[in-house]
Amino acid sequence: MKQQVAAALAKRVSDGDVLGVGSGSTTELAIKAIGERISTEGISVGAVATSYRSAQLASQVGMALIEPTSGLNISWAFDGADEVDPQLNLLKGRGAAMLGEKIVAKLSPKFIVIVTGEKLVGNLGENFSVPVEIIPSSIRLVERELAQLGAADVVLRQAVNKYGPVVTEHGNHVLDARFSKIERDLECGINCIPGVVENGLFFDCCDEVLVAEENGLSSLTRGKSGVIRALL
């Protein structure tokens, strides 16, 4: 199903587009699908990447890398998500790249999220904690303040292939904070804590969600009366 939604995303790319390119396994499949179009159709596509890994893959498939500070306008952006709620708000950051992802999403006039059906949840935080990127020296303060905001559990994320904590591309650490209930103002509340760089809550940021499920593909967008689902 990831291949299906990645292919659907790649079909939307036009010659000359400058894309904001997210991170994660589904996003990487989309990058490869775009690369196939570059190879077979000869289209020209630029990429403003949110992580070193995405930048490396985008370059390998023939996308021209562009720095987010270049001033060149992004045509639209795409990324995956760990959770998507019924209002199309997102929980992201399992790959610890949420800072770059949020910067690029906010720079883009349209932000499309690609997921498989199990990522749709009734409420954010059902399956994952909220990732919080912090300056290492602020850990004790941030732990205390997250608890005051309602976090039931706060854990310093540990690296998998080495001893010690995860270190982000910006040299920071990540706390995973478990909340029983996530309200809209929590995103800004977390970011107001001294030492916090960014967190994985993305409220009112997503314009469209492409979902791959066993019965096919669908598009979720916001309408005046709520979210609209259209079969693709």
C-alpha atoms as a PDB file:
ATOM      1  CA  MET A   1       0.000   0.000   0.000  1.00  0.00           C
ATOM      2  CA  LYS A   2       2.898   2.360   0.606  1.00  0.00           C
ATOM      3  CA  GLN A   3       3.944   1.858  -3.014  1.00  0.00           C
ATOM      4  CA  GLN A   4       0.448   2.814  -4.192  1.00  0.00           C
ATOM      5  CA  VAL A   5       0.272   6.096  -2.341  1.00  0.00           C
ATOM      6  CA  ALA A   6       3.871   6.929  -3.296  1.00  0.00           C
ATOM      7  CA  ALA A   7       3.064   6.375  -6.977  1.00  0.00           C
ATOM      8  CA  ALA A   8      -0.081   8.514  -6.700  1.00  0.00           C
ATOM      9  CA  LEU A   9       1.947  11.335  -5.188  1.00  0.00           C
ATOM     10  CA  ALA A  10       4.598  11.124  -7.903  1.00  0.00           C
ATOM     11  CA  LYS A  11       1.959  11.528 -10.628  1.00  0.00           C
ATOM     12  CA  ARG A  12       1.178  15.007  -9.297  1.00  0.00           C
ATOM     13  CA  VAL A  13       4.671  16.324  -9.957  1.00  0.00           C
ATOM     14  CA  SER A  14       4.998  18.755 -12.867  1.00  0.00           C
ATOM     15  CA  ASP A  15       8.093  19.685 -14.844  1.00  0.00           C
ATOM     16  CA  GLY A  16       9.899  22.515 -13.064  1.00  0.00           C
ATOM     17  CA  ASP A  17       8.372  21.908  -9.632  1.00  0.00           C
ATOM     18  CA  VAL A  18      10.432  22.691  -6.548  1.00  0.00           C
ATOM     19  CA  LEU A  19       9.257  20.221  -3.921  1.00  0.00           C
ATOM     20  CA  GLY A  20       9.543  20.266  -0.178  1.00  0.00           C
ATOM     21  CA  VAL A  21      10.643  16.701   0.531  1.00  0.00           C
ATOM     22  CA  GLY A  22       9.910  15.116   3.898  1.00  0.00           C
ATOM     23  CA  SER A  23      11.372  12.105   5.669  1.00  0.00           C
ATOM     24  CA  GLY A  24      10.421   8.513   6.427  1.00  0.00           C
ATOM     25  CA  SER A  25       9.825   5.237   4.607  1.00  0.00           C
ATOM     26  CA  THR A  26       6.712   6.251   2.643  1.00  0.00           C
ATOM     27  CA  THR A  27       8.313   9.530   1.626  1.00  0.00           C
ATOM     28  CA  GLU A  28      11.393   7.674   0.403  1.00  0.00           C
ATOM     29  CA  LEU A  29       9.218   5.503  -1.839  1.00  0.00           C
ATOM     30  CA  ALA A  30       7.673   8.676  -3.264  1.00  0.00           C
ATOM     31  CA  ILE A  31      11.123  10.139  -3.922  1.00  0.00           C
ATOM     32  CA  LYS A  32      12.059   6.993  -5.835  1.00  0.00           C
ATOM     33  CA  ALA A  33       8.812   7.155  -7.829  1.00  0.00           C
ATOM     34  CA  ILE A  34       9.562  10.772  -8.739  1.00  0.00           C
ATOM     35  CA  GLY A  35      13.046   9.656  -9.744  1.00  0.00           C
ATOM     36  CA  GLU A  36      11.538   7.159 -12.175  1.00  0.00           C
ATOM     37  CA  ARG A  37       9.615   9.982 -13.844  1.00  0.00           C
ATOM     38  CA  ILE A  38      12.786  12.062 -14.031  1.00  0.00           C
ATOM     39  CA  SER A  39      14.557   9.131 -15.684  1.00  0.00           C
ATOM     40  CA  THR A  40      11.807   8.125 -18.125  1.00  0.00           C
ATOM     41  CA  GLU A  41      10.172  11.482 -18.907  1.00  0.00           C
ATOM     42  CA  GLY A  42      13.102  13.858 -18.520  1.00  0.00           C
ATOM     43  CA  ILE A  43      11.258  16.231 -16.205  1.00  0.00           C
ATOM     44  CA  SER A  44      13.198  18.687 -14.055  1.00  0.00           C
ATOM     45  CA  VAL A  45      12.431  18.671 -10.325  1.00  0.00           C
ATOM     46  CA  GLY A  46      14.041  20.545  -7.446  1.00  0.00           C
ATOM     47  CA  ALA A  47      14.045  19.381  -3.831  1.00  0.00           C
ATOM     48  CA  VAL A  48      14.184  21.256  -0.542  1.00  0.00           C
ATOM     49  CA  ALA A  49      14.911  18.348   1.795  1.00  0.00           C
ATOM     50  CA  THR A  50      14.049  18.080   5.487  1.00  0.00           C
ATOM     51  CA  SER A  51      16.883  15.697   6.428  1.00  0.00           C
ATOM     52  CA  TYR A  52      20.283  14.526   5.241  1.00  0.00           C
ATOM     53  CA  ARG A  53      18.857  11.124   4.351  1.00  0.00           C
ATOM     54  CA  SER A  54      16.109  12.619   2.187  1.00  0.00           C
ATOM     55  CA  ALA A  55      18.583  14.985   0.551  1.00  0.00           C
ATOM     56  CA  GLN A  56      20.925  12.125  -0.308  1.00  0.00           C
ATOM     57  CA  LEU A  57      18.153  10.027  -1.842  1.00  0.00           C
ATOM     58  CA  ALA A  58      16.659  12.966  -3.753  1.00  0.00           C
ATOM     59  CA  SER A  59      20.062  13.736  -5.246  1.00  0.00           C
ATOM     60  CA  GLN A  60      20.609  10.090  -6.183  1.00  0.00           C
ATOM     61  CA  VAL A  61      17.354   9.944  -8.180  1.00  0.00           C
ATOM     62  CA  GLY A  62      18.121  13.136 -10.095  1.00  0.00           C
ATOM     63  CA  MET A  63      16.408  15.890  -8.137  1.00  0.00           C
ATOM     64  CA  ALA A  64      18.292  19.182  -7.878  1.00  0.00           C
ATOM     65  CA  LEU A  65      18.958  20.005  -4.214  1.00  0.00           C
ATOM     66  CA  ILE A  66      17.980  23.501  -3.082  1.00  0.00           C
ATOM     67  CA  GLU A  67      18.649  25.044   0.327  1.00  0.00           C
ATOM     68  CA  PRO A  68      15.598  26.339   2.225  1.00  0.00           C
ATOM     69  CA  THR A  69      17.481  29.626   2.673  1.00  0.00           C
ATOM     70  CA  SER A  70      17.884  30.116  -1.089  1.00  0.00           C
ATOM     71  CA  GLY A  71      14.754  32.260  -1.394  1.00  0.00           C
ATOM     72  CA  LEU A  72      13.424  30.093  -4.230  1.00  0.00           C
ATOM     73  CA  ASN A  73       9.716  29.458  -3.788  1.00  0.00           C
ATOM     74  CA  ILE A  74       8.616  25.900  -3.011  1.00  0.00           C
ATOM     75  CA  SER A  75       5.835  24.701  -5.331  1.00  0.00           C
ATOM     76  CA  TRP A  76       4.399  22.266  -2.768  1.00  0.00           C
ATOM     77  CA  ALA A  77       5.642  19.831  -0.137  1.00  0.00           C
ATOM     78  CA  PHE A  78       4.976  16.235   0.843  1.00  0.00           C
ATOM     79  CA  ASP A  79       5.768  14.094   3.855  1.00  0.00           C
ATOM     80  CA  GLY A  80       4.539  11.130   5.861  1.00  0.00           C
ATOM     81  CA  ALA A  81       3.036  11.115   9.352  1.00  0.00           C
ATOM     82  CA  ASP A  82       2.884   8.844  12.371  1.00  0.00           C
ATOM     83  CA  GLU A  83      -0.711   9.786  13.179  1.00  0.00           C
ATOM     84  CA  VAL A  84      -3.454  11.772  11.421  1.00  0.00           C
ATOM     85  CA  ASP A  85      -6.575  12.799  13.337  1.00  0.00           C
ATOM     86  CA  PRO A  86     -10.078  13.412  11.867  1.00  0.00           C
ATOM     87  CA  GLN A  87      -9.299  17.139  11.433  1.00  0.00           C
ATOM     88  CA  LEU A  88      -6.076  16.336   9.506  1.00  0.00           C
ATOM     89  CA  ASN A  89      -3.819  17.407  12.350  1.00  0.00           C
ATOM     90  CA  LEU A  90      -0.614  15.401  12.570  1.00  0.00           C
ATOM     91  CA  LEU A  91       1.779  13.735  14.970  1.00  0.00           C
ATOM     92  CA  LYS A  92       5.249  13.327  13.468  1.00  0.00           C
ATOM     93  CA  GLY A  93       8.847  12.914  14.542  1.00  0.00           C
ATOM     94  CA  ARG A  94       9.613   9.214  14.951  1.00  0.00           C
ATOM     95  CA  GLY A  95      12.614   9.904  12.734  1.00  0.00           C
ATOM     96  CA  ALA A  96      13.602  12.945  14.852  1.00  0.00           C
ATOM     97  CA  ALA A  97      13.454  15.269  11.824  1.00  0.00           C
ATOM     98  CA  MET A  98      10.392  17.296  12.875  1.00  0.00           C
ATOM     99  CA  LEU A  99      12.245  20.626  12.988  1.00  0.00           C
ATOM    100  CA  GLY A 100      13.233  20.509   9.322  1.00  0.00           C
ATOM    101  CA  GLU A 101       9.877  18.986   8.405  1.00  0.00           C
ATOM    102  CA  LYS A 102       7.912  21.788  10.043  1.00  0.00           C
ATOM    103  CA  ILE A 103      10.081  24.513   8.515  1.00  0.00           C
ATOM    104  CA  VAL A 104       9.568  23.159   5.003  1.00  0.00           C
ATOM    105  CA  ALA A 105       5.850  22.512   5.554  1.00  0.00           C
ATOM    106  CA  LYS A 106       5.334  26.098   6.708  1.00  0.00           C
ATOM    107  CA  LEU A 107       7.330  27.460   3.751  1.00  0.00           C
ATOM    108  CA  SER A 108       5.119  25.611   1.270  1.00  0.00           C
ATOM    109  CA  PRO A 109       1.832  26.921  -0.172  1.00  0.00           C
ATOM    110  CA  LYS A 110       0.460  23.364  -0.136  1.00  0.00           C
ATOM    111  CA  PHE A 111       1.445  20.503   2.166  1.00  0.00           C
ATOM    112  CA  ILE A 112       0.390  16.961   1.237  1.00  0.00           C
ATOM    113  CA  VAL A 113       0.738  14.027   3.629  1.00  0.00           C
ATOM    114  CA  ILE A 114       0.959  10.438   2.383  1.00  0.00           C
ATOM    115  CA  VAL A 115       0.038   7.574   4.709  1.00  0.00           C
ATOM    116  CA  THR A 116      -1.443   4.113   4.899  1.00  0.00           C
ATOM    117  CA  GLY A 117      -4.754   3.550   6.631  1.00  0.00           C
ATOM    118  CA  GLU A 118      -3.428   2.484  10.032  1.00  0.00           C
ATOM    119  CA  LYS A 119      -2.041   6.002  10.544  1.00  0.00           C
ATOM    120  CA  LEU A 120      -5.577   7.428  10.805  1.00  0.00           C
ATOM    121  CA  VAL A 121      -6.548   7.779  14.481  1.00  0.00           C
ATOM    122  CA  GLY A 122      -9.437   9.173  16.482  1.00  0.00           C
ATOM    123  CA  ASN A 123      -7.146  11.369  18.594  1.00  0.00           C
ATOM    124  CA  LEU A 124      -3.493  12.316  18.373  1.00  0.00           C
ATOM    125  CA  GLY A 125      -1.355  10.425  20.853  1.00  0.00           C
ATOM    126  CA  GLU A 126      -3.263   7.146  20.617  1.00  0.00           C
ATOM    127  CA  ASN A 127      -0.239   5.175  19.451  1.00  0.00           C
ATOM    128  CA  PHE A 128       2.778   7.421  19.924  1.00  0.00           C
ATOM    129  CA  SER A 129       4.282   9.906  22.335  1.00  0.00           C
ATOM    130  CA  VAL A 130       4.937  13.503  21.315  1.00  0.00           C
ATOM    131  CA  PRO A 131       8.587  13.941  20.261  1.00  0.00           C
ATOM    132  CA  VAL A 132      10.186  17.086  21.676  1.00  0.00           C
ATOM    133  CA  GLU A 133      13.557  18.257  20.359  1.00  0.00           C
ATOM    134  CA  ILE A 134      15.548  19.955  23.105  1.00  0.00           C
ATOM    135  CA  ILE A 135      18.899  21.585  23.751  1.00  0.00           C
ATOM    136  CA  PRO A 136      20.759  18.918  25.793  1.00  0.00           C
ATOM    137  CA  SER A 137      21.466  21.160  28.789  1.00  0.00           C
ATOM    138  CA  SER A 138      17.751  21.906  29.238  1.00  0.00           C
ATOM    139  CA  ILE A 139      16.620  18.322  29.864  1.00  0.00           C
ATOM    140  CA  ARG A 140      15.705  18.618  33.560  1.00  0.00           C
ATOM    141  CA  LEU A 141      13.773  21.848  33.062  1.00  0.00           C
ATOM    142  CA  VAL A 142      11.904  20.524  30.039  1.00  0.00           C
ATOM    143  CA  GLU A 143      11.039  17.259  31.797  1.00  0.00           C
ATOM    144  CA  ARG A 144       9.542  19.225  34.693  1.00  0.00           C
ATOM    145  CA  GLU A 145       7.592  21.599  32.468  1.00  0.00           C
ATOM    146  CA  LEU A 146       6.236  18.794  30.279  1.00  0.00           C
ATOM    147  CA  ALA A 147       4.910  17.096  33.405  1.00  0.00           C
ATOM    148  CA  GLN A 148       3.180  20.341  34.365  1.00  0.00           C
ATOM    149  CA  LEU A 149       1.566  20.399  30.908  1.00  0.00           C
ATOM    150  CA  GLY A 150       0.123  16.957  31.595  1.00  0.00           C
ATOM    151  CA  ALA A 151       2.727  14.505  30.334  1.00  0.00           C
ATOM    152  CA  ALA A 152       2.307  11.209  32.176  1.00  0.00           C
ATOM    153  CA  ASP A 153       5.669   9.873  31.040  1.00  0.00           C
ATOM    154  CA  VAL A 154       8.754  11.573  29.582  1.00  0.00           C
ATOM    155  CA  VAL A 155      11.617   9.480  28.203  1.00  0.00           C
ATOM    156  CA  LEU A 156      14.925  10.513  26.656  1.00  0.00           C
ATOM    157  CA  ARG A 157      15.046   8.738  23.302  1.00  0.00           C
ATOM    158  CA  GLN A 158      17.992   6.346  23.024  1.00  0.00           C
ATOM    159  CA  ALA A 159      19.961   5.604  19.871  1.00  0.00           C
ATOM    160  CA  VAL A 160      19.613   2.161  18.294  1.00  0.00           C
ATOM    161  CA  ASN A 161      23.039   1.470  16.823  1.00  0.00           C
ATOM    162  CA  LYS A 162      25.185   3.216  19.429  1.00  0.00           C
ATOM    163  CA  TYR A 163      25.224   3.899  23.155  1.00  0.00           C
ATOM    164  CA  GLY A 164      23.619   7.068  24.401  1.00  0.00           C
ATOM    165  CA  PRO A 165      20.725   9.274  23.352  1.00  0.00           C
ATOM    166  CA  VAL A 166      19.574  10.100  19.847  1.00  0.00           C
ATOM    167  CA  VAL A 167      21.327  13.176  18.482  1.00  0.00           C
ATOM    168  CA  THR A 168      19.384  15.121  15.860  1.00  0.00           C
ATOM    169  CA  GLU A 169      20.909  16.672  12.751  1.00  0.00           C
ATOM    170  CA  HIS A 170      21.003  19.957  14.677  1.00  0.00           C
ATOM    171  CA  GLY A 171      22.937  18.447  17.587  1.00  0.00           C
ATOM    172  CA  ASN A 172      19.988  18.205  19.957  1.00  0.00           C
ATOM    173  CA  HIS A 173      18.289  15.438  21.956  1.00  0.00           C
ATOM    174  CA  VAL A 174      14.692  14.166  21.785  1.00  0.00           C
ATOM    175  CA  LEU A 175      12.286  13.607  24.651  1.00  0.00           C
ATOM    176  CA  ASP A 176       9.219  11.442  24.007  1.00  0.00           C
ATOM    177  CA  ALA A 177       6.329  12.773  26.096  1.00  0.00           C
ATOM    178  CA  ARG A 178       3.187  10.704  26.598  1.00  0.00           C
ATOM    179  CA  PHE A 179      -0.055  12.673  26.962  1.00  0.00           C
ATOM    180  CA  SER A 180      -3.450  11.120  27.691  1.00  0.00           C
ATOM    181  CA  LYS A 181      -5.142  14.026  25.919  1.00  0.00           C
ATOM    182  CA  ILE A 182      -3.727  16.391  23.319  1.00  0.00           C
ATOM    183  CA  GLU A 183      -5.392  19.780  22.864  1.00  0.00           C
ATOM    184  CA  ARG A 184      -4.687  22.284  20.100  1.00  0.00           C
ATOM    185  CA  ASP A 185      -2.755  24.658  22.364  1.00  0.00           C
ATOM    186  CA  LEU A 186      -0.287  21.957  23.453  1.00  0.00           C
ATOM    187  CA  GLU A 187       1.895  22.506  20.375  1.00  0.00           C
ATOM    188  CA  CYS A 188       2.590  26.129  21.304  1.00  0.00           C
ATOM    189  CA  GLY A 189       2.663  25.336  25.004  1.00  0.00           C
ATOM    190  CA  ILE A 190       5.520  22.891  24.559  1.00  0.00           C
ATOM    191  CA  ASN A 191       7.451  25.289  22.340  1.00  0.00           C
ATOM    192  CA  CYS A 192       7.232  28.014  25.009  1.00  0.00           C
ATOM    193  CA  ILE A 193       9.378  25.949  27.387  1.00  0.00           C
ATOM    194  CA  PRO A 194      12.965  27.299  27.494  1.00  0.00           C
ATOM    195  CA  GLY A 195      15.271  24.802  25.822  1.00  0.00           C
ATOM    196  CA  VAL A 196      12.649  23.327  23.503  1.00  0.00           C
ATOM    197  CA  VAL A 197      13.555  23.652  19.836  1.00  0.00           C
ATOM    198  CA  GLU A 198      10.444  22.070  18.259  1.00  0.00           C
ATOM    199  CA  ASN A 199       7.916  19.300  18.769  1.00  0.00           C
ATOM    200  CA  GLY A 200       6.092  16.772  16.616  1.00  0.00           C
ATOM    201  CA  LEU A 201       2.574  18.238  16.747  1.00  0.00           C
ATOM    202  CA  PHE A 202       1.434  19.749  13.439  1.00  0.00           C
ATOM    203  CA  PHE A 203      -1.912  21.529  13.903  1.00  0.00           C
ATOM    204  CA  ASP A 204      -3.600  23.288  10.948  1.00  0.00           C
ATOM    205  CA  CYS A 205      -0.611  22.577   8.729  1.00  0.00           C
ATOM    206  CA  CYS A 206      -1.800  19.876   6.335  1.00  0.00           C
ATOM    207  CA  ASP A 207      -3.836  20.701   3.206  1.00  0.00           C
ATOM    208  CA  GLU A 208      -4.449  17.172   1.946  1.00  0.00           C
ATOM    209  CA  VAL A 209      -3.887  13.594   3.064  1.00  0.00           C
ATOM    210  CA  LEU A 210      -3.498  10.796   0.523  1.00  0.00           C
ATOM    211  CA  VAL A 211      -4.430   7.495   2.158  1.00  0.00           C
ATOM    212  CA  ALA A 212      -3.741   3.989   0.867  1.00  0.00           C
ATOM    213  CA  GLU A 213      -6.043   1.290   2.255  1.00  0.00           C
ATOM    214  CA  GLU A 214      -6.975  -2.228   1.212  1.00  0.00           C
ATOM    215  CA  ASN A 215      -9.981  -0.944  -0.738  1.00  0.00           C
ATOM    216  CA  GLY A 216      -7.956   1.662  -2.651  1.00  0.00           C
ATOM    217  CA  LEU A 217      -6.697   5.227  -2.489  1.00  0.00           C
ATOM    218  CA  SER A 218      -8.532   8.259  -1.177  1.00  0.00           C
ATOM    219  CA  SER A 219      -7.899  11.966  -0.710  1.00  0.00           C
ATOM    220  CA  LEU A 220      -8.834  13.817   2.480  1.00  0.00           C
ATOM    221  CA  THR A 221      -9.188  17.598   2.334  1.00  0.00           C
ATOM    222  CA  ARG A 222     -10.802  20.245   4.512  1.00  0.00           C
ATOM    223  CA  GLY A 223     -14.139  21.688   3.395  1.00  0.00           C
ATOM    224  CA  LYS A 224     -16.457  24.298   4.901  1.00  0.00           C
ATOM    225  CA  SER A 225     -18.508  21.601   6.611  1.00  0.00           C
ATOM    226  CA  GLY A 226     -15.601  19.356   7.589  1.00  0.00           C
ATOM    227  CA  VAL A 227     -13.177  16.910   6.033  1.00  0.00           C
ATOM    228  CA  ILE A 228     -14.070  15.660   2.551  1.00  0.00           C
ATOM    229  CA  ARG A 229     -13.059  12.163   1.445  1.00  0.00           C
ATOM    230  CA  ALA A 230     -12.760  11.501  -2.298  1.00  0.00           C
ATOM    231  CA  LEU A 231     -11.870   8.154  -3.846  1.00  0.00           C
ATOM    232  CA  LEU A 232      -8.992   8.220  -6.322  1.00  0.00           C
END
